[in-house]
Amino acid sequence: MGDGMRVSRGRHDPDLSGVHVLVVEDTPDSREVLRILLEYCGAEVRTAESAEEGKRLLDEERPDVMVSDIAMPDDGIELIRAVKASADARDLHIPVIAITAYRDRGPELLAEGFDELLEKPLDPVSLCGAVRRHVDWPDPKTGYKQQAQDVG
C-alpha cells in the first residue's frame, strides 16, 4: 500500500522497508525478539549486546533510529549521552527509543535525551509504529524529507 501501511494477517503493520535500525539490548532473547519484530515490519536491523558495542556500531554507520534497553550492565543512560554527543558533533539527529520495564522513569529518560519511551512488554505494532514516527521519509511529490504520520 502506498500509505506506509502493509496489510498482513488481517492487521495493519507499519511498513519500515528501507529503514535502518540499531537495537541495543543485553539480553539475548529480548535482542532476538526485537530484531524479529522490526524485520517483520521490513526494517534492516543491526544488533548490539552492550552499550559499548552500540557506540562502536554508531561510529561505523548511521542508523535511522536506535532502539535501546536502558537496564543494561553498562548503562543505557550513558549510551544515550554518548549517542547525542556524537550526533551533535557530526550535526546529525539519531532518534533513540528507550525500552524499559520502569514506567516511573519516563520523565527522567526523556530529559536525558531519549526521543520516546516504550514500556515492556512490547506490542509489536507499537514498536514498529514508534520507529516509523521517528523516521524522515521523502515526500513522493517534492523529494524533501517529511516526518511520518502516527500509524501506531
C-alpha atoms as a PDB file:
ATOM      1  CA  MET A   1       0.000   0.000   0.000  1.00  0.00           C
ATOM      2  CA  GLY A   2       1.284   3.462  -0.746  1.00  0.00           C
ATOM      3  CA  ASP A   3       0.280   4.979   2.588  1.00  0.00           C
ATOM      4  CA  GLY A   4       3.120   3.388   4.576  1.00  0.00           C
ATOM      5  CA  MET A   5       0.978   0.526   5.834  1.00  0.00           C
ATOM      6  CA  ARG A   6       1.136  -3.120   4.896  1.00  0.00           C
ATOM      7  CA  VAL A   7      -1.822  -5.424   5.383  1.00  0.00           C
ATOM      8  CA  SER A   8      -0.741  -8.711   6.892  1.00  0.00           C
ATOM      9  CA  ARG A   9      -2.830 -11.413   8.526  1.00  0.00           C
ATOM     10  CA  GLY A  10      -5.749  -9.028   8.859  1.00  0.00           C
ATOM     11  CA  ARG A  11      -3.736  -6.374  10.736  1.00  0.00           C
ATOM     12  CA  HIS A  12      -2.158  -3.114   9.706  1.00  0.00           C
ATOM     13  CA  ASP A  13       1.560  -3.119  10.418  1.00  0.00           C
ATOM     14  CA  PRO A  14       3.765  -0.059   9.872  1.00  0.00           C
ATOM     15  CA  ASP A  15       5.976  -0.572   6.827  1.00  0.00           C
ATOM     16  CA  LEU A  16       9.627   0.032   7.722  1.00  0.00           C
ATOM     17  CA  SER A  17      11.083  -1.003   4.366  1.00  0.00           C
ATOM     18  CA  GLY A  18      14.465   0.648   3.877  1.00  0.00           C
ATOM     19  CA  VAL A  19      14.700   1.840   7.493  1.00  0.00           C
ATOM     20  CA  HIS A  20      17.969   1.035   9.279  1.00  0.00           C
ATOM     21  CA  VAL A  21      17.509   0.324  12.997  1.00  0.00           C
ATOM     22  CA  LEU A  22      20.191  -0.307  15.585  1.00  0.00           C
ATOM     23  CA  VAL A  23      18.929  -2.389  18.525  1.00  0.00           C
ATOM     24  CA  VAL A  24      20.962  -2.301  21.740  1.00  0.00           C
ATOM     25  CA  GLU A  25      19.841  -4.949  24.226  1.00  0.00           C
ATOM     26  CA  ASP A  26      21.967  -7.053  26.566  1.00  0.00           C
ATOM     27  CA  THR A  27      19.536  -9.960  26.975  1.00  0.00           C
ATOM     28  CA  PRO A  28      19.961 -12.355  24.007  1.00  0.00           C
ATOM     29  CA  ASP A  29      16.308 -13.476  23.848  1.00  0.00           C
ATOM     30  CA  SER A  30      14.987  -9.914  24.056  1.00  0.00           C
ATOM     31  CA  ARG A  31      17.500  -8.741  21.437  1.00  0.00           C
ATOM     32  CA  GLU A  32      16.353 -11.507  19.091  1.00  0.00           C
ATOM     33  CA  VAL A  33      12.661 -10.727  19.628  1.00  0.00           C
ATOM     34  CA  LEU A  34      13.249  -7.042  18.868  1.00  0.00           C
ATOM     35  CA  ARG A  35      15.185  -7.950  15.725  1.00  0.00           C
ATOM     36  CA  ILE A  36      12.446 -10.316  14.524  1.00  0.00           C
ATOM     37  CA  LEU A  37       9.650  -7.812  15.189  1.00  0.00           C
ATOM     38  CA  LEU A  38      11.418  -4.994  13.376  1.00  0.00           C
ATOM     39  CA  GLU A  39      12.427  -7.184  10.443  1.00  0.00           C
ATOM     40  CA  TYR A  40       8.824  -8.403  10.192  1.00  0.00           C
ATOM     41  CA  CYS A  41       7.833  -4.786   9.584  1.00  0.00           C
ATOM     42  CA  GLY A  42      10.537  -4.525   6.910  1.00  0.00           C
ATOM     43  CA  ALA A  43      13.370  -2.801   8.794  1.00  0.00           C
ATOM     44  CA  GLU A  44      17.025  -3.606   8.259  1.00  0.00           C
ATOM     45  CA  VAL A  45      18.317  -4.348  11.763  1.00  0.00           C
ATOM     46  CA  ARG A  46      21.775  -4.410  13.347  1.00  0.00           C
ATOM     47  CA  THR A  47      22.058  -5.535  16.934  1.00  0.00           C
ATOM     48  CA  ALA A  48      24.462  -4.808  19.759  1.00  0.00           C
ATOM     49  CA  GLU A  49      24.657  -6.699  23.026  1.00  0.00           C
ATOM     50  CA  SER A  50      26.055  -3.819  25.071  1.00  0.00           C
ATOM     51  CA  ALA A  51      26.163  -0.039  25.190  1.00  0.00           C
ATOM     52  CA  GLU A  52      29.855  -0.214  24.291  1.00  0.00           C
ATOM     53  CA  GLU A  53      29.140  -2.273  21.169  1.00  0.00           C
ATOM     54  CA  GLY A  54      26.280   0.085  20.308  1.00  0.00           C
ATOM     55  CA  LYS A  55      28.674   3.057  20.421  1.00  0.00           C
ATOM     56  CA  ARG A  56      31.143   1.215  18.186  1.00  0.00           C
ATOM     57  CA  LEU A  57      28.450   0.430  15.616  1.00  0.00           C
ATOM     58  CA  LEU A  58      27.336   4.066  15.638  1.00  0.00           C
ATOM     59  CA  ASP A  59      30.880   5.092  14.742  1.00  0.00           C
ATOM     60  CA  GLU A  60      30.765   2.713  11.749  1.00  0.00           C
ATOM     61  CA  GLU A  61      27.340   3.579  10.370  1.00  0.00           C
ATOM     62  CA  ARG A  62      24.384   5.870  10.836  1.00  0.00           C
ATOM     63  CA  PRO A  63      21.084   4.131  11.597  1.00  0.00           C
ATOM     64  CA  ASP A  64      17.817   5.950  11.001  1.00  0.00           C
ATOM     65  CA  VAL A  65      16.665   5.053  14.522  1.00  0.00           C
ATOM     66  CA  MET A  66      18.159   3.378  17.571  1.00  0.00           C
ATOM     67  CA  VAL A  67      16.113   1.238  19.978  1.00  0.00           C
ATOM     68  CA  SER A  68      17.805   0.640  23.318  1.00  0.00           C
ATOM     69  CA  ASP A  69      17.078  -1.096  26.569  1.00  0.00           C
ATOM     70  CA  ILE A  70      18.094   1.124  29.467  1.00  0.00           C
ATOM     71  CA  ALA A  71      18.610  -1.507  32.164  1.00  0.00           C
ATOM     72  CA  MET A  72      21.918  -2.873  30.918  1.00  0.00           C
ATOM     73  CA  PRO A  73      25.039  -3.576  32.959  1.00  0.00           C
ATOM     74  CA  ASP A  74      26.934  -0.863  31.079  1.00  0.00           C
ATOM     75  CA  ASP A  75      24.033   1.602  31.422  1.00  0.00           C
ATOM     76  CA  GLY A  76      21.663   2.748  28.721  1.00  0.00           C
ATOM     77  CA  ILE A  77      21.707   6.303  30.112  1.00  0.00           C
ATOM     78  CA  GLU A  78      25.434   6.602  29.424  1.00  0.00           C
ATOM     79  CA  LEU A  79      24.770   5.254  25.929  1.00  0.00           C
ATOM     80  CA  ILE A  80      22.193   7.939  25.164  1.00  0.00           C
ATOM     81  CA  ARG A  81      24.576  10.651  26.361  1.00  0.00           C
ATOM     82  CA  ALA A  82      27.310   9.305  24.077  1.00  0.00           C
ATOM     83  CA  VAL A  83      24.916   8.964  21.132  1.00  0.00           C
ATOM     84  CA  LYS A  84      23.599  12.502  21.486  1.00  0.00           C
ATOM     85  CA  ALA A  85      27.120  13.952  21.910  1.00  0.00           C
ATOM     86  CA  SER A  86      28.382  12.078  18.851  1.00  0.00           C
ATOM     87  CA  ALA A  87      25.356  13.061  16.787  1.00  0.00           C
ATOM     88  CA  ASP A  88      25.718  16.726  17.801  1.00  0.00           C
ATOM     89  CA  ALA A  89      29.412  16.658  16.883  1.00  0.00           C
ATOM     90  CA  ARG A  90      28.536  15.290  13.435  1.00  0.00           C
ATOM     91  CA  ASP A  91      25.465  17.559  13.052  1.00  0.00           C
ATOM     92  CA  LEU A  92      23.140  14.544  12.933  1.00  0.00           C
ATOM     93  CA  HIS A  93      19.980  13.605  14.717  1.00  0.00           C
ATOM     94  CA  ILE A  94      19.606   9.938  15.537  1.00  0.00           C
ATOM     95  CA  PRO A  95      16.280   9.318  17.251  1.00  0.00           C
ATOM     96  CA  VAL A  96      16.608   6.947  20.197  1.00  0.00           C
ATOM     97  CA  ILE A  97      13.693   4.958  21.579  1.00  0.00           C
ATOM     98  CA  ALA A  98      14.117   3.663  25.136  1.00  0.00           C
ATOM     99  CA  ILE A  99      12.675   0.334  26.154  1.00  0.00           C
ATOM    100  CA  THR A 100      12.081  -0.161  29.849  1.00  0.00           C
ATOM    101  CA  ALA A 101      10.046  -2.006  32.422  1.00  0.00           C
ATOM    102  CA  TYR A 102      10.311   1.020  34.729  1.00  0.00           C
ATOM    103  CA  ARG A 103       7.288   3.196  33.955  1.00  0.00           C
ATOM    104  CA  ASP A 104       8.152   5.738  36.649  1.00  0.00           C
ATOM    105  CA  ARG A 105      11.447   6.650  34.938  1.00  0.00           C
ATOM    106  CA  GLY A 106       9.715   8.171  31.887  1.00  0.00           C
ATOM    107  CA  PRO A 107      10.315  11.860  32.660  1.00  0.00           C
ATOM    108  CA  GLU A 108      13.950  11.189  33.602  1.00  0.00           C
ATOM    109  CA  LEU A 109      14.579   9.249  30.377  1.00  0.00           C
ATOM    110  CA  LEU A 110      13.019  11.885  28.173  1.00  0.00           C
ATOM    111  CA  ALA A 111      15.065  14.566  29.964  1.00  0.00           C
ATOM    112  CA  GLU A 112      18.231  12.548  29.253  1.00  0.00           C
ATOM    113  CA  GLY A 113      17.532  12.784  25.526  1.00  0.00           C
ATOM    114  CA  PHE A 114      15.549   9.704  24.597  1.00  0.00           C
ATOM    115  CA  ASP A 115      13.015  10.629  21.939  1.00  0.00           C
ATOM    116  CA  GLU A 116      10.360   8.154  23.044  1.00  0.00           C
ATOM    117  CA  LEU A 117       9.777   5.608  25.760  1.00  0.00           C
ATOM    118  CA  LEU A 118       8.186   2.197  25.239  1.00  0.00           C
ATOM    119  CA  GLU A 119       7.261   0.028  28.186  1.00  0.00           C
ATOM    120  CA  LYS A 120       7.734  -3.710  28.416  1.00  0.00           C
ATOM    121  CA  PRO A 121       6.045  -5.908  27.489  1.00  0.00           C
ATOM    122  CA  LEU A 122       6.114  -4.513  23.970  1.00  0.00           C
ATOM    123  CA  ASP A 123       3.289  -4.622  21.497  1.00  0.00           C
ATOM    124  CA  PRO A 124       4.760  -5.358  18.027  1.00  0.00           C
ATOM    125  CA  VAL A 125       2.644  -2.763  16.218  1.00  0.00           C
ATOM    126  CA  SER A 126       3.536  -0.119  18.819  1.00  0.00           C
ATOM    127  CA  LEU A 127       7.252  -0.870  18.435  1.00  0.00           C
ATOM    128  CA  CYS A 128       7.182  -0.590  14.647  1.00  0.00           C
ATOM    129  CA  GLY A 129       4.887   2.446  14.852  1.00  0.00           C
ATOM    130  CA  ALA A 130       7.296   4.189  17.228  1.00  0.00           C
ATOM    131  CA  VAL A 131      10.221   3.583  14.880  1.00  0.00           C
ATOM    132  CA  ARG A 132       8.187   4.861  11.944  1.00  0.00           C
ATOM    133  CA  ARG A 133       7.254   8.053  13.794  1.00  0.00           C
ATOM    134  CA  HIS A 134      10.924   8.944  14.132  1.00  0.00           C
ATOM    135  CA  VAL A 135      11.984   8.382  10.529  1.00  0.00           C
ATOM    136  CA  ASP A 136      12.110  11.174   7.978  1.00  0.00           C
ATOM    137  CA  TRP A 137      10.538   9.981   4.751  1.00  0.00           C
ATOM    138  CA  PRO A 138      10.980  11.671   1.366  1.00  0.00           C
ATOM    139  CA  ASP A 139       7.775  13.242   0.132  1.00  0.00           C
ATOM    140  CA  PRO A 140       6.976  11.496  -3.175  1.00  0.00           C
ATOM    141  CA  LYS A 141       5.880  14.813  -4.729  1.00  0.00           C
ATOM    142  CA  THR A 142       8.729  17.070  -3.612  1.00  0.00           C
ATOM    143  CA  GLY A 143      11.567  14.713  -2.658  1.00  0.00           C
ATOM    144  CA  TYR A 144      12.021  16.649   0.594  1.00  0.00           C
ATOM    145  CA  LYS A 145      12.098  14.780   3.888  1.00  0.00           C
ATOM    146  CA  GLN A 146       8.950  14.791   5.976  1.00  0.00           C
ATOM    147  CA  GLN A 147       8.158  13.312   9.365  1.00  0.00           C
ATOM    148  CA  ALA A 148       5.999  10.174   9.202  1.00  0.00           C
ATOM    149  CA  GLN A 149       2.433  10.378  10.420  1.00  0.00           C
ATOM    150  CA  ASP A 150       1.448   8.473  13.539  1.00  0.00           C
ATOM    151  CA  VAL A 151       0.440   4.971  12.479  1.00  0.00           C
ATOM    152  CA  GLY A 152       0.536   3.092  15.755  1.00  0.00           C
END
